[in-house]
Amino acid sequence: MEKVNKRILALDILRGISVAGMALVNHPGSWKAVYAPLLHARWNGLTPTDLIFPFFIFIMGISMYISLRKYHFECTGPVLLKVVKRTFVIFFIGLALSWFGNFCSYWAKPAGDIGLGMRLWNSIWTFDHLRIPGVMQRLALCYGIGTILTLNIKHQRIPYLAFSLLAGYFIVLWSGNGFAYDKSNICSIVDHAVLTSAHLQNDHGIDPAGILGTIPSVANVLLGFWVGQLLFGSGKPAASRSEQLDRYLIRLFLVGSVLAFSGLLLSYGCPINKKIWSPTFVFATCGFAATSLALLIWIIDVKGCKRWSRFFEVFGINPLFMYVLGSMLGKVLQVIPVVWYGESYSLRSFLYKECLSPVFGDYGASFAYALIFVVINWIIGYQLYKRKIYIKI
C-alpha cells in the first residue's frame, strides 16, 4: 500500500493566524481607541483576543508530538539536553524582550534634563524592575515541562494527567480566593512572594503570565499533544489521502466539541478567565482551537482553497521569529521621534494622529494602524519565506 501523506497545511496556517493575531491586538494606534473584540476580557469572560495565545500553545502541543516522534519518544541524554537548551533560550529571549521594552521607554522619556551618558545608562540598567513573566517565558516553560512529561509518561495517560493538573489547579484557586480580582488572589500572593512586585505586571495585583498560571498552560500543551497523537499516531493506515483527512475532521470536531462545551458548561461554577488561566478557559480554548483546525483542514486541505492562506503561512513557518520581530518593531516605532509643525511625536503617534485619524476617526485609525503594522511584519517575513529561510529557536 502506498504511504499516505499525513502533513496538513492547515496546522501552519492556524499557527500563522495566531502569530498575526498577536501582532494585530498588541499594536493598536492608541490603547484609548480599541474595538472591544480586540481587547482581552477585563476579568471573567472570553473575547476573540483571549483565544490567540492559548491557540498557539495548543498548536505547540501538536507540533511537539510531530517533532518528538522522530526520536521515538525516548528520553535520551541528547534529546533532554536539546529540550533544556531550547527552553532556556526561549526564556532568555523573553527576558531580553522585556528589557528592550524598558530600554525604549526610558530612552524615549528620560528622567529630567540629563546628559546623553546618564540617559543611556538609565535606559540600559533597568534590571531592578525587569518584568520576569511574559509570553515567551510561558512558552518556554510549557515547552520544557510538557516535553519532559510526554517523554516519560505513557501517552494513553496524557489526557488524564492534563485533567488532573486542571482539577488540582481548580482546588488551589477555590481554596486560595483565586477568582478575586485583587491582591488577595492566591496567584498574586505567590507571584509577589517569589518574584516581588518590582518584577511583575500589576493588573489589580495580578500578572496575567504569573507562576501558578503556568500549571494549566502546561495542560494546554498536553491536550494539544494528545490531539497530535489522535491525528498522527499509530493505528490502521488510511487507504487514501481523502480517508486520512476525513479521520482528521471527525476526531478534531469530536474532541473540540466535547472540550468547548465542557468549558462553557463548567463555567457556571468555575468562570472562564484568561488572567488566571482558569481550567474552564483551558477546556474552552482547546475546544475552539481543535474545531478551528478542523474547519481550516476542510477549507484548505479538503476543498483546496489555499491561495488566501499564503499570507498567514508566512507567519506560521517562522512563528517565534515573527513574534520577536513584531515585539521589537512595535517598541521601535514608539521611540522614533517625529517633529510636525512644531509638535513632537513618536512615529507611531504621528501616523495615528496626523495621518490616519483625520481619515478614519479614532477607533478606525487605531485599527488601521494595527493592520499596517501586521502588513509591515508580513513584508519582512515574506523575504524569508520566498527564500525558504526557516529560523528555528
Protein backbone atom coordinates (compact mmCIF):
# COMPACT_ATOMS: atom_id res chain seq x y z
CA MET A 1 0.00 0.00 0.00
CA GLU A 2 1.27 3.45 -0.93
CA LYS A 3 2.14 5.59 2.07
CA VAL A 4 -0.39 8.38 2.61
CA ASN A 5 0.91 11.91 3.18
CA LYS A 6 -0.18 12.98 6.66
CA ARG A 7 1.07 16.57 6.52
CA ILE A 8 -1.60 19.23 6.83
CA LEU A 9 -1.05 22.81 5.68
CA ALA A 10 -3.88 23.98 7.94
CA LEU A 11 -1.65 23.48 11.00
CA ASP A 12 0.85 26.06 9.70
CA ILE A 13 -1.99 28.40 8.79
CA LEU A 14 -3.64 28.27 12.23
CA ARG A 15 -0.24 28.89 13.82
CA GLY A 16 0.27 31.83 11.45
CA ILE A 17 -3.18 33.24 12.25
CA SER A 18 -2.26 33.13 15.94
CA VAL A 19 1.04 34.97 15.42
CA ALA A 20 -0.52 37.55 13.11
CA GLY A 21 -3.33 37.95 15.64
CA MET A 22 -0.81 38.72 18.38
CA ALA A 23 0.73 41.44 16.21
CA LEU A 24 -2.71 42.89 15.49
CA VAL A 25 -4.06 43.07 19.04
CA ASN A 26 -0.78 44.09 20.71
CA HIS A 27 -0.08 47.10 18.49
CA PRO A 28 -3.06 49.42 18.03
CA GLY A 29 -2.58 53.05 17.09
CA SER A 30 -3.82 54.05 20.54
CA TRP A 31 -4.85 51.98 23.53
CA LYS A 32 -7.55 54.59 24.21
CA ALA A 33 -9.36 53.68 20.98
CA VAL A 34 -9.56 49.90 20.53
CA TYR A 35 -12.61 47.95 19.38
CA ALA A 36 -13.90 45.63 22.13
CA PRO A 37 -13.19 42.31 20.31
CA LEU A 38 -9.52 43.35 20.06
CA LEU A 39 -9.17 43.67 23.84
CA HIS A 40 -8.80 40.97 26.47
CA ALA A 41 -11.72 40.40 28.80
CA ARG A 42 -11.34 42.71 31.78
CA TRP A 43 -11.71 39.76 34.17
CA ASN A 44 -14.15 36.88 33.67
CA GLY A 45 -15.30 36.19 30.12
CA LEU A 46 -13.86 35.44 26.73
CA THR A 47 -13.13 37.66 23.72
CA PRO A 48 -11.60 36.73 20.33
CA THR A 49 -8.33 38.23 21.57
CA ASP A 50 -8.28 35.82 24.51
CA LEU A 51 -8.15 32.89 22.09
CA ILE A 52 -4.90 33.83 20.37
CA PHE A 53 -2.25 32.81 22.92
CA PRO A 54 -3.88 29.52 24.03
CA PHE A 55 -4.39 28.60 20.36
CA PHE A 56 -0.64 28.98 19.83
CA ILE A 57 0.14 26.85 22.91
CA PHE A 58 -2.32 24.16 21.76
CA ILE A 59 -0.69 24.06 18.32
CA MET A 60 2.71 23.86 20.01
CA GLY A 61 1.49 20.68 21.71
CA ILE A 62 0.52 19.14 18.36
CA SER A 63 3.87 20.16 16.87
CA MET A 64 5.66 18.62 19.87
CA TYR A 65 4.12 15.26 19.03
CA ILE A 66 5.27 15.54 15.41
CA SER A 67 8.76 16.66 16.45
CA LEU A 68 9.34 14.06 19.17
CA ARG A 69 8.09 11.22 17.00
CA LYS A 70 11.39 11.19 15.09
CA TYR A 71 13.15 10.46 18.41
CA HIS A 72 10.69 7.61 19.08
CA PHE A 73 9.63 9.49 22.23
CA GLU A 74 12.73 8.27 24.05
CA CYS A 75 14.13 10.48 26.81
CA THR A 76 17.80 10.10 25.92
CA GLY A 77 20.59 12.37 27.07
CA PRO A 78 20.96 14.24 23.75
CA VAL A 79 17.19 14.76 23.46
CA LEU A 80 16.91 16.01 27.04
CA LEU A 81 19.88 18.36 26.55
CA LYS A 82 18.28 19.78 23.41
CA VAL A 83 14.97 20.37 25.22
CA VAL A 84 16.61 22.06 28.21
CA LYS A 85 18.77 24.24 25.96
CA ARG A 86 15.80 25.36 23.85
CA THR A 87 13.76 26.07 26.97
CA PHE A 88 16.45 28.36 28.37
CA VAL A 89 16.98 30.10 25.00
CA ILE A 90 13.27 30.90 24.59
CA PHE A 91 13.01 32.05 28.21
CA PHE A 92 16.07 34.29 27.82
CA ILE A 93 14.64 35.82 24.63
CA GLY A 94 11.51 36.65 26.61
CA LEU A 95 13.57 38.42 29.26
CA ALA A 96 15.51 40.24 26.53
CA LEU A 97 12.25 41.49 25.01
CA SER A 98 11.16 42.74 28.43
CA TRP A 99 14.49 44.55 28.85
CA PHE A 100 14.23 46.01 25.34
CA GLY A 101 10.80 47.40 26.16
CA ASN A 102 12.20 49.07 29.29
CA PHE A 103 15.14 50.45 27.32
CA CYS A 104 12.88 52.04 24.70
CA SER A 105 10.55 53.51 27.33
CA TYR A 106 13.35 55.10 29.34
CA TRP A 107 15.16 56.35 26.26
CA ALA A 108 12.01 58.00 24.89
CA LYS A 109 11.14 59.64 28.22
CA PRO A 110 14.33 60.41 30.17
CA ALA A 111 14.09 61.39 33.83
CA GLY A 112 14.60 65.15 33.68
CA ASP A 113 17.28 67.16 31.90
CA ILE A 114 20.20 64.73 31.97
CA GLY A 115 23.22 64.16 29.75
CA LEU A 116 23.45 61.62 26.97
CA GLY A 117 25.64 59.26 29.00
CA MET A 118 23.32 59.21 32.01
CA ARG A 119 20.31 58.84 29.73
CA LEU A 120 21.92 55.84 28.07
CA TRP A 121 22.88 54.30 31.41
CA ASN A 122 19.38 54.76 32.86
CA SER A 123 17.92 53.15 29.76
CA ILE A 124 20.28 50.17 29.91
CA TRP A 125 20.24 49.49 33.65
CA THR A 126 16.61 48.57 34.27
CA PHE A 127 17.19 45.11 35.69
CA ASP A 128 15.95 46.09 39.13
CA HIS A 129 12.41 46.28 37.75
CA LEU A 130 12.60 43.90 34.78
CA ARG A 131 9.34 42.01 34.33
CA ILE A 132 10.16 38.30 34.59
CA PRO A 133 6.90 36.64 33.45
CA GLY A 134 5.84 37.07 29.84
CA VAL A 135 4.61 35.40 26.67
CA MET A 136 7.93 33.86 25.61
CA GLN A 137 8.74 32.87 29.19
CA ARG A 138 5.47 30.98 29.49
CA LEU A 139 6.00 29.35 26.11
CA ALA A 140 9.45 28.22 27.27
CA LEU A 141 8.13 26.68 30.49
CA CYS A 142 5.22 25.00 28.72
CA TYR A 143 7.54 23.59 26.09
CA GLY A 144 10.15 22.36 28.57
CA ILE A 145 7.77 20.89 31.16
CA GLY A 146 5.41 19.49 28.51
CA THR A 147 8.20 17.80 26.57
CA ILE A 148 9.75 16.18 29.64
CA LEU A 149 6.35 14.89 30.76
CA THR A 150 5.44 13.44 27.37
CA LEU A 151 8.83 11.72 27.09
CA ASN A 152 8.42 9.99 30.43
CA ILE A 153 4.71 9.15 30.64
CA LYS A 154 2.73 6.61 28.62
CA HIS A 155 0.82 8.52 26.00
CA GLN A 156 -2.55 6.98 26.83
CA ARG A 157 -2.23 8.66 30.24
CA ILE A 158 -1.59 12.16 28.84
CA PRO A 159 -5.24 13.33 28.87
CA TYR A 160 -5.69 12.03 32.44
CA LEU A 161 -2.59 13.95 33.51
CA ALA A 162 -3.92 17.11 31.86
CA PHE A 163 -7.31 16.76 33.58
CA SER A 164 -5.58 16.05 36.90
CA LEU A 165 -3.49 19.22 36.59
CA LEU A 166 -6.64 21.24 35.90
CA ALA A 167 -8.55 19.64 38.78
CA GLY A 168 -5.66 20.31 41.17
CA TYR A 169 -5.37 23.89 39.94
CA PHE A 170 -9.09 24.45 40.48
CA ILE A 171 -8.72 23.29 44.08
CA VAL A 172 -5.86 25.77 44.53
CA LEU A 173 -7.98 28.59 43.10
CA TRP A 174 -11.07 27.65 45.07
CA SER A 175 -9.21 27.40 48.39
CA GLY A 176 -6.99 30.45 47.77
CA ASN A 177 -9.54 33.08 46.72
CA GLY A 178 -8.30 32.56 43.19
CA PHE A 179 -11.27 34.20 41.49
CA ALA A 180 -10.84 37.56 43.27
CA TYR A 181 -9.60 40.42 41.13
CA ASP A 182 -7.21 41.84 43.73
CA LYS A 183 -4.04 41.16 45.71
CA SER A 184 -5.78 38.60 47.94
CA ASN A 185 -5.81 36.21 44.96
CA ILE A 186 -3.54 33.19 45.54
CA CYS A 187 -1.93 33.81 42.12
CA SER A 188 -0.96 37.32 43.20
CA ILE A 189 0.27 36.15 46.59
CA VAL A 190 2.59 33.52 45.08
CA ASP A 191 3.93 35.89 42.40
CA HIS A 192 4.71 38.66 44.88
CA ALA A 193 6.29 36.22 47.33
CA VAL A 194 8.58 34.65 44.72
CA LEU A 195 9.25 37.40 42.17
CA THR A 196 8.40 40.58 44.16
CA SER A 197 6.26 43.42 42.80
CA ALA A 198 9.22 45.07 41.02
CA HIS A 199 9.35 42.21 38.50
CA LEU A 200 5.64 41.84 37.81
CA GLN A 201 2.97 43.47 35.71
CA ASN A 202 0.41 44.99 38.05
CA ASP A 203 -3.19 44.40 36.98
CA HIS A 204 -5.01 44.82 40.29
CA GLY A 205 -2.06 42.97 41.80
CA ILE A 206 -2.22 40.15 39.24
CA ASP A 207 0.27 39.33 36.49
CA PRO A 208 -1.53 37.51 33.62
CA ALA A 209 1.60 35.44 32.92
CA GLY A 210 2.28 34.58 36.56
CA ILE A 211 3.72 31.44 38.14
CA LEU A 212 0.60 29.44 39.06
CA GLY A 213 -0.99 30.07 35.66
CA THR A 214 1.81 28.01 34.12
CA ILE A 215 0.20 24.83 35.54
CA PRO A 216 -2.98 24.98 33.41
CA SER A 217 -0.93 26.28 30.46
CA VAL A 218 1.02 23.01 30.56
CA ALA A 219 -2.36 21.26 30.38
CA ASN A 220 -2.97 23.22 27.14
CA VAL A 221 0.21 21.73 25.71
CA LEU A 222 -0.65 18.23 26.90
CA LEU A 223 -4.10 18.37 25.33
CA GLY A 224 -2.51 19.60 22.10
CA PHE A 225 -0.04 16.70 22.27
CA TRP A 226 -2.93 14.28 22.82
CA VAL A 227 -4.74 15.66 19.77
CA GLY A 228 -1.49 15.27 17.81
CA GLN A 229 -1.43 11.61 18.84
CA LEU A 230 -5.06 11.17 17.73
CA LEU A 231 -4.22 12.67 14.34
CA PHE A 232 -0.76 11.31 13.58
CA GLY A 233 -0.36 8.39 15.99
CA SER A 234 -0.36 4.70 15.31
CA GLY A 235 -3.45 2.99 14.02
CA LYS A 236 -4.77 1.39 10.92
CA PRO A 237 -3.21 3.23 7.95
CA ALA A 238 -5.62 5.19 5.79
CA ALA A 239 -6.13 3.85 2.28
CA SER A 240 -6.09 7.31 0.72
CA ARG A 241 -5.40 10.96 1.40
CA SER A 242 -9.15 11.60 1.37
CA GLU A 243 -9.78 8.97 4.04
CA GLN A 244 -6.94 10.40 6.13
CA LEU A 245 -8.43 13.90 6.02
CA ASP A 246 -11.86 12.55 6.94
CA ARG A 247 -10.31 10.99 10.05
CA TYR A 248 -8.74 14.31 10.96
CA LEU A 249 -12.05 16.12 10.63
CA ILE A 250 -14.09 13.61 12.65
CA ARG A 251 -11.59 13.39 15.51
CA LEU A 252 -11.00 17.15 15.70
CA PHE A 253 -14.69 18.03 15.65
CA LEU A 254 -15.46 15.37 18.25
CA VAL A 255 -12.67 16.36 20.65
CA GLY A 256 -13.18 20.07 20.03
CA SER A 257 -16.92 19.94 20.65
CA VAL A 258 -16.56 17.97 23.89
CA LEU A 259 -13.85 20.27 25.26
CA ALA A 260 -15.57 23.51 24.23
CA PHE A 261 -18.96 22.50 25.66
CA SER A 262 -17.29 21.24 28.83
CA GLY A 263 -15.61 24.60 29.31
CA LEU A 264 -18.82 26.52 28.71
CA LEU A 265 -20.95 24.32 30.98
CA LEU A 266 -18.43 24.20 33.81
CA SER A 267 -18.02 27.98 33.65
CA TYR A 268 -21.11 28.32 35.87
CA GLY A 269 -19.00 27.00 38.74
CA CYS A 270 -15.53 27.97 37.50
CA PRO A 271 -15.52 31.20 35.47
CA ILE A 272 -13.67 31.36 32.16
CA ASN A 273 -10.77 33.68 32.92
CA LYS A 274 -7.59 34.23 30.91
CA LYS A 275 -5.69 36.25 33.51
CA ILE A 276 -5.61 33.32 35.93
CA TRP A 277 -5.83 30.76 33.08
CA SER A 278 -8.77 29.01 34.73
CA PRO A 279 -9.45 25.32 33.95
CA THR A 280 -12.60 26.22 32.00
CA PHE A 281 -10.51 28.66 29.96
CA VAL A 282 -8.28 25.72 29.01
CA PHE A 283 -11.22 23.50 28.05
CA ALA A 284 -12.95 26.20 26.01
CA THR A 285 -9.87 27.44 24.16
CA CYS A 286 -8.55 23.95 23.38
CA GLY A 287 -12.01 23.04 22.11
CA PHE A 288 -12.23 26.10 19.91
CA ALA A 289 -8.67 25.51 18.66
CA ALA A 290 -9.45 21.91 17.67
CA THR A 291 -12.66 22.88 15.84
CA SER A 292 -10.89 25.81 14.15
CA LEU A 293 -8.17 23.45 12.95
CA ALA A 294 -10.85 21.09 11.60
CA LEU A 295 -12.51 23.97 9.74
CA LEU A 296 -9.20 25.03 8.20
CA ILE A 297 -8.41 21.45 7.16
CA TRP A 298 -11.77 21.29 5.40
CA ILE A 299 -11.21 24.62 3.64
CA ILE A 300 -7.52 24.23 2.76
CA ASP A 301 -6.68 20.54 2.58
CA VAL A 302 -10.05 19.08 1.54
CA LYS A 303 -11.51 21.82 -0.69
CA GLY A 304 -8.10 23.07 -1.83
CA CYS A 305 -8.79 26.76 -1.18
CA LYS A 306 -5.17 27.69 -0.46
CA ARG A 307 -4.38 30.97 -2.20
CA TRP A 308 -5.68 33.18 0.64
CA SER A 309 -3.67 31.25 3.21
CA ARG A 310 -0.20 32.22 1.97
CA PHE A 311 -0.39 35.46 3.94
CA PHE A 312 -0.68 33.52 7.21
CA GLU A 313 1.76 30.81 6.13
CA VAL A 314 4.49 33.46 6.18
CA PHE A 315 3.80 33.96 9.90
CA GLY A 316 3.33 30.24 10.55
CA ILE A 317 6.65 28.89 9.26
CA ASN A 318 8.77 31.23 11.41
CA PRO A 319 6.41 31.82 14.34
CA LEU A 320 8.77 32.71 17.18
CA PHE A 321 10.94 34.89 14.96
CA MET A 322 7.86 36.75 13.72
CA TYR A 323 6.64 37.29 17.27
CA VAL A 324 10.02 38.65 18.37
CA LEU A 325 10.17 40.84 15.27
CA GLY A 326 6.74 42.30 15.98
CA SER A 327 7.53 42.93 19.64
CA MET A 328 10.77 44.79 18.86
CA LEU A 329 9.40 46.69 15.88
CA GLY A 330 6.42 47.86 17.91
CA LYS A 331 8.72 49.34 20.57
CA VAL A 332 10.98 50.99 17.99
CA LEU A 333 8.05 52.74 16.33
CA GLN A 334 7.14 54.22 19.71
CA VAL A 335 10.54 55.90 20.19
CA ILE A 336 11.46 57.18 16.72
CA PRO A 337 10.96 60.96 17.05
CA VAL A 338 8.97 62.98 14.53
CA VAL A 339 8.51 66.77 14.59
CA TRP A 340 5.47 68.08 12.72
CA TYR A 341 4.57 71.78 12.72
CA GLY A 342 6.46 72.28 15.95
CA GLU A 343 4.81 69.32 17.68
CA SER A 344 6.88 66.31 18.78
CA TYR A 345 5.53 62.81 18.21
CA SER A 346 6.75 59.27 18.15
CA LEU A 347 6.43 57.74 14.67
CA ARG A 348 3.55 55.62 15.93
CA SER A 349 1.68 58.64 17.36
CA PHE A 350 2.35 60.68 14.23
CA LEU A 351 0.92 58.03 11.92
CA TYR A 352 -2.10 57.55 14.16
CA LYS A 353 -2.95 61.19 14.99
CA GLU A 354 -1.87 63.08 11.89
CA CYS A 355 -2.20 60.55 9.06
CA LEU A 356 -4.93 58.06 9.97
CA SER A 357 -7.28 59.74 12.48
CA PRO A 358 -8.37 62.54 10.11
CA VAL A 359 -9.44 59.88 7.61
CA PHE A 360 -10.81 57.02 9.72
CA GLY A 361 -11.63 58.57 13.09
CA ASP A 362 -10.05 57.49 16.37
CA TYR A 363 -11.15 53.85 16.50
CA GLY A 364 -10.85 53.24 12.79
CA ALA A 365 -7.39 54.82 12.74
CA SER A 366 -6.21 52.71 15.65
CA PHE A 367 -7.35 49.57 13.85
CA ALA A 368 -5.87 50.75 10.55
CA TYR A 369 -2.50 51.31 12.24
CA ALA A 370 -2.62 47.76 13.62
CA LEU A 371 -3.37 46.38 10.15
CA ILE A 372 -0.49 48.36 8.62
CA PHE A 373 1.78 47.06 11.38
CA VAL A 374 0.83 43.47 10.55
CA VAL A 375 1.50 44.06 6.85
CA ILE A 376 4.94 45.53 7.60
CA ASN A 377 5.77 42.41 9.62
CA TRP A 378 4.50 40.25 6.77
CA ILE A 379 6.68 42.02 4.21
CA ILE A 380 9.76 41.30 6.31
CA GLY A 381 8.70 37.71 6.94
CA TYR A 382 7.95 37.17 3.26
CA GLN A 383 11.59 37.80 2.39
CA LEU A 384 12.46 34.75 4.50
CA TYR A 385 9.51 32.76 3.16
CA LYS A 386 10.35 33.16 -0.53
CA ARG A 387 14.00 32.25 0.16
CA LYS A 388 12.90 29.25 2.24
CA ILE A 389 14.80 30.53 5.27
CA TYR A 390 13.48 28.97 8.48
CA ILE A 391 14.75 30.46 11.73
CA LYS A 392 14.42 27.85 14.44
CA ILE A 393 14.69 28.95 18.04
